[in-house]
Amino acid sequence: MTKKTAMKYWKEWRLTLFLIVFVILPVKSSLADFNWVPTGSMKPTILEGDFVFVNKAAYGLRLPLTRVRLARWANPERGDIVICFSPDDGTRLIKRVVGLPGDRVELFDNQLFINGRAMAQSEMATGDMTYLTDRLKREYRFATEDLMGVSHSMMVRPRTGRQSRFGPVSLAKDQYFVMGDNRDNSRDSRIFGTVERSAIVGKAVGVTGSFDFKGSFLPRLGRFFTGLK
């Protein structure tokens, strides 16, 4: 490539490069991002193939492209769906906060206890199972769990498995206990331990798009631009 050709390309692409480096990347790093979800650990709330909108400024502001915190104005609350880094290998995860600093968390036969109080479970609305396969509907038990005033959908196998019992464990300052809504198919705090406040980078607030990449590959139009709870 000649110097003249290089200068031509630079003049044509410099504005685009400037926008990417100084606008798009900092915004994605510090303010907002879209995450594609490849696993089913948060079923039935979040499905494989969902594109989730993440508010990275929900709890504070970070220096772009780093984990350096510039300001903090809120902390994750019980029931929040958060983006965090696994403490054992740094994997980026999407999980639900069930335990806050100072809490005592225990799981017994898939019944969650916080500070000795059982989190009530009730029948889940059938609409939350719209995009689940018939096999999952047959093999799993679905329920709405009340996390001290925050209700969310969850699923477990009728027979208890190796992840159905845990703890009790007490959470120290800045420690959070996170779990997947798909309780028998989630790598979470029951395996890698608590998550530090500094490892939580944002709050998942909605699904912007969804595609059934494990089945028909068609868009799940009913999930487009829907909120998460």
Protein backbone atom coordinates (compact mmCIF):
# COMPACT_ATOMS: atom_id res chain seq x y z
CA MET A 1 0.00 0.00 0.00
CA THR A 2 1.41 3.35 -1.02
CA LYS A 3 1.54 6.38 1.24
CA LYS A 4 -1.00 8.13 -1.00
CA THR A 5 -3.44 5.22 -0.70
CA ALA A 6 -2.96 5.05 3.05
CA MET A 7 -3.72 8.75 3.41
CA LYS A 8 -6.85 8.32 1.30
CA TYR A 9 -8.13 5.54 3.56
CA TRP A 10 -7.23 7.56 6.66
CA LYS A 11 -9.23 10.55 5.46
CA GLU A 12 -12.24 8.32 4.66
CA TRP A 13 -12.21 6.34 7.89
CA ARG A 14 -10.78 8.68 10.52
CA LEU A 15 -14.20 9.96 11.68
CA THR A 16 -15.49 6.40 12.00
CA LEU A 17 -12.40 5.36 13.96
CA PHE A 18 -12.72 8.41 16.18
CA LEU A 19 -16.35 7.56 16.98
CA ILE A 20 -15.47 3.94 17.76
CA VAL A 21 -12.48 4.71 19.98
CA PHE A 22 -13.71 7.84 21.78
CA VAL A 23 -17.50 7.41 21.81
CA ILE A 24 -18.79 3.88 21.23
CA LEU A 25 -16.20 1.94 23.27
CA PRO A 26 -16.37 4.26 26.32
CA VAL A 27 -20.18 4.20 26.28
CA LYS A 28 -20.25 0.37 26.04
CA SER A 29 -17.67 0.13 28.80
CA SER A 30 -19.14 2.59 31.30
CA LEU A 31 -22.76 3.43 30.51
CA ALA A 32 -24.70 0.84 28.51
CA ASP A 33 -24.17 -2.37 26.61
CA PHE A 34 -25.98 -5.28 24.96
CA ASN A 35 -25.19 -8.83 26.05
CA TRP A 36 -26.00 -11.94 24.07
CA VAL A 37 -26.96 -14.83 26.37
CA PRO A 38 -25.63 -18.24 25.21
CA THR A 39 -26.79 -20.44 28.11
CA GLY A 40 -30.03 -21.33 29.91
CA SER A 41 -28.92 -20.72 33.49
CA MET A 42 -31.47 -17.92 33.90
CA LYS A 43 -34.47 -19.74 32.42
CA PRO A 44 -37.37 -19.12 32.41
CA THR A 45 -36.59 -15.40 32.88
CA ILE A 46 -33.86 -15.18 30.23
CA LEU A 47 -33.53 -17.63 27.35
CA GLU A 48 -30.61 -18.72 25.20
CA GLY A 49 -30.47 -16.31 22.28
CA ASP A 50 -31.76 -13.27 24.16
CA PHE A 51 -30.02 -9.94 23.63
CA VAL A 52 -30.11 -8.20 27.00
CA PHE A 53 -29.76 -4.47 27.57
CA VAL A 54 -27.39 -3.73 30.46
CA ASN A 55 -27.39 -0.46 32.38
CA LYS A 56 -23.75 -0.16 33.44
CA ALA A 57 -24.42 3.12 35.24
CA ALA A 58 -27.13 1.62 37.49
CA TYR A 59 -24.85 1.42 40.51
CA GLY A 60 -22.05 3.83 39.69
CA LEU A 61 -19.59 5.09 37.11
CA ARG A 62 -16.37 3.44 36.02
CA LEU A 63 -13.39 4.75 34.12
CA PRO A 64 -13.95 3.55 30.53
CA LEU A 65 -12.26 0.26 29.61
CA THR A 66 -11.18 -0.36 33.23
CA ARG A 67 -12.64 -1.57 36.53
CA VAL A 68 -11.62 1.66 38.27
CA ARG A 69 -14.69 3.14 39.99
CA LEU A 70 -15.11 6.90 39.70
CA ALA A 71 -18.36 7.14 41.65
CA ARG A 72 -20.90 4.94 43.40
CA TRP A 73 -24.52 6.03 43.90
CA ALA A 74 -26.32 2.74 44.53
CA ASN A 75 -25.77 -0.89 45.44
CA PRO A 76 -27.33 -4.01 43.94
CA GLU A 77 -30.65 -4.87 45.55
CA ARG A 78 -32.21 -8.23 46.28
CA GLY A 79 -33.79 -9.58 43.11
CA ASP A 80 -31.68 -7.52 40.70
CA ILE A 81 -30.38 -9.32 37.62
CA VAL A 82 -26.74 -8.31 37.35
CA ILE A 83 -23.74 -8.73 35.11
CA CYS A 84 -20.77 -9.85 37.17
CA PHE A 85 -17.42 -11.57 36.89
CA SER A 86 -16.96 -15.03 38.38
CA PRO A 87 -14.45 -14.82 41.26
CA ASP A 88 -12.70 -18.05 40.27
CA ASP A 89 -11.96 -17.55 36.58
CA GLY A 90 -13.23 -14.07 35.64
CA THR A 91 -15.98 -15.35 33.35
CA ARG A 92 -18.65 -12.76 32.59
CA LEU A 93 -21.98 -13.97 33.99
CA ILE A 94 -25.62 -12.91 34.24
CA LYS A 95 -27.23 -13.92 37.55
CA ARG A 96 -29.81 -12.82 40.10
CA VAL A 97 -28.83 -11.29 43.45
CA VAL A 98 -30.50 -13.23 46.27
CA GLY A 99 -28.21 -12.45 49.20
CA LEU A 100 -26.97 -9.04 50.38
CA PRO A 101 -24.10 -8.08 52.71
CA GLY A 102 -24.96 -9.21 56.24
CA ASP A 103 -27.40 -11.91 55.09
CA ARG A 104 -27.28 -15.57 56.06
CA VAL A 105 -28.13 -17.68 53.01
CA GLU A 106 -29.10 -21.35 52.93
CA LEU A 107 -30.68 -23.68 50.38
CA PHE A 108 -32.42 -26.87 51.50
CA ASP A 109 -34.14 -29.12 48.95
CA ASN A 110 -34.40 -26.16 46.56
CA GLN A 111 -36.06 -24.02 49.22
CA LEU A 112 -34.16 -20.77 49.69
CA PHE A 113 -33.78 -19.40 53.22
CA ILE A 114 -32.51 -15.89 53.97
CA ASN A 115 -31.78 -15.04 57.59
CA GLY A 116 -33.72 -18.13 58.60
CA ARG A 117 -36.82 -17.11 56.65
CA ALA A 118 -38.11 -19.29 53.81
CA MET A 119 -38.66 -17.47 50.53
CA ALA A 120 -42.25 -18.26 49.55
CA GLN A 121 -42.94 -20.06 46.27
CA SER A 122 -46.24 -20.01 44.39
CA GLU A 123 -47.58 -21.14 41.03
CA MET A 124 -45.94 -19.41 38.08
CA ALA A 125 -47.98 -17.70 35.37
CA THR A 126 -48.26 -19.88 32.26
CA GLY A 127 -47.29 -16.92 30.08
CA ASP A 128 -43.75 -17.15 31.42
CA MET A 129 -43.42 -20.58 29.76
CA THR A 130 -44.41 -19.44 26.25
CA TYR A 131 -41.07 -20.16 24.59
CA LEU A 132 -40.04 -23.20 26.62
CA THR A 133 -40.00 -26.64 25.01
CA ASP A 134 -42.55 -29.31 25.90
CA ARG A 135 -39.73 -31.43 27.32
CA LEU A 136 -38.77 -28.74 29.80
CA LYS A 137 -42.39 -28.25 30.80
CA ARG A 138 -42.67 -31.98 31.54
CA GLU A 139 -39.37 -32.41 33.37
CA TYR A 140 -39.23 -29.28 35.52
CA ARG A 141 -41.27 -27.64 38.23
CA PHE A 142 -41.95 -23.94 37.70
CA ALA A 143 -42.71 -21.41 40.42
CA THR A 144 -42.74 -17.75 41.34
CA GLU A 145 -40.36 -17.04 44.20
CA ASP A 146 -40.85 -14.04 46.49
CA LEU A 147 -37.52 -12.54 47.55
CA MET A 148 -38.86 -10.41 50.39
CA GLY A 149 -41.16 -8.43 48.11
CA VAL A 150 -39.42 -9.01 44.77
CA SER A 151 -41.11 -11.77 42.76
CA HIS A 152 -39.45 -13.66 39.93
CA SER A 153 -39.89 -16.87 37.96
CA MET A 154 -37.72 -19.92 38.58
CA MET A 155 -37.49 -23.60 37.65
CA VAL A 156 -36.16 -26.74 39.34
CA ARG A 157 -36.27 -30.47 38.76
CA PRO A 158 -38.90 -32.26 40.90
CA ARG A 159 -36.23 -34.51 42.38
CA THR A 160 -33.51 -32.71 44.30
CA GLY A 161 -30.00 -32.77 42.86
CA ARG A 162 -26.49 -31.94 44.00
CA GLN A 163 -27.15 -28.19 43.89
CA SER A 164 -30.39 -28.33 45.85
CA ARG A 165 -28.64 -27.93 49.21
CA PHE A 166 -26.14 -25.30 50.24
CA GLY A 167 -24.89 -23.48 53.30
CA PRO A 168 -25.69 -21.81 55.49
CA VAL A 169 -23.21 -19.06 54.66
CA SER A 170 -22.97 -15.55 56.10
CA LEU A 171 -22.11 -12.66 53.79
CA ALA A 172 -19.53 -10.08 54.80
CA LYS A 173 -19.36 -6.43 53.77
CA ASP A 174 -19.50 -5.92 49.99
CA GLN A 175 -20.31 -9.60 49.39
CA TYR A 176 -23.30 -10.75 47.32
CA PHE A 177 -24.83 -14.17 46.77
CA VAL A 178 -25.97 -14.71 43.18
CA MET A 179 -27.95 -17.57 41.66
CA GLY A 180 -29.49 -18.54 38.35
CA ASP A 181 -33.26 -18.85 38.05
CA ASN A 182 -32.68 -22.28 36.51
CA ARG A 183 -31.61 -23.63 39.87
CA ASP A 184 -30.43 -27.09 38.72
CA ASN A 185 -28.46 -25.79 35.75
CA SER A 186 -26.56 -22.76 36.96
CA ARG A 187 -22.96 -22.17 37.90
CA ASP A 188 -23.30 -19.56 40.62
CA SER A 189 -22.40 -18.68 44.23
CA ARG A 190 -23.17 -22.23 45.31
CA ILE A 191 -20.09 -23.26 43.33
CA PHE A 192 -17.67 -20.31 43.18
CA GLY A 193 -18.70 -18.48 46.35
CA THR A 194 -19.84 -14.92 46.93
CA VAL A 195 -19.30 -12.10 44.45
CA GLU A 196 -17.55 -8.92 45.52
CA ARG A 197 -19.29 -5.60 44.92
CA SER A 198 -16.41 -4.53 42.66
CA ALA A 199 -17.08 -7.51 40.34
CA ILE A 200 -20.67 -6.40 39.61
CA VAL A 201 -20.57 -4.18 36.54
CA GLY A 202 -24.19 -3.48 35.68
CA LYS A 203 -27.88 -4.30 35.88
CA ALA A 204 -29.78 -6.20 33.17
CA VAL A 205 -33.04 -4.33 32.60
CA GLY A 206 -34.62 -5.69 29.43
CA VAL A 207 -34.55 -7.92 26.36
CA THR A 208 -34.05 -5.99 23.13
CA GLY A 209 -34.21 -9.00 20.83
CA SER A 210 -34.37 -12.79 20.92
CA PHE A 211 -33.68 -15.62 18.47
CA ASP A 212 -34.25 -19.36 18.87
CA PHE A 213 -30.75 -20.33 17.78
CA LYS A 214 -31.07 -23.85 19.23
CA GLY A 215 -34.31 -24.64 17.43
CA SER A 216 -36.01 -22.90 14.54
CA PHE A 217 -33.52 -19.98 14.38
CA LEU A 218 -36.55 -17.71 14.09
CA PRO A 219 -36.99 -14.49 16.10
CA ARG A 220 -39.07 -14.68 19.26
CA LEU A 221 -41.02 -11.54 18.46
CA GLY A 222 -42.94 -11.62 21.73
CA ARG A 223 -39.69 -11.08 23.65
CA PHE A 224 -38.51 -8.04 21.72
CA PHE A 225 -38.25 -4.89 23.88
CA THR A 226 -39.57 -6.50 27.04
CA GLY A 227 -38.53 -5.74 30.61
CA LEU A 228 -36.86 -8.13 33.02
CA LYS A 229 -37.98 -8.84 36.55
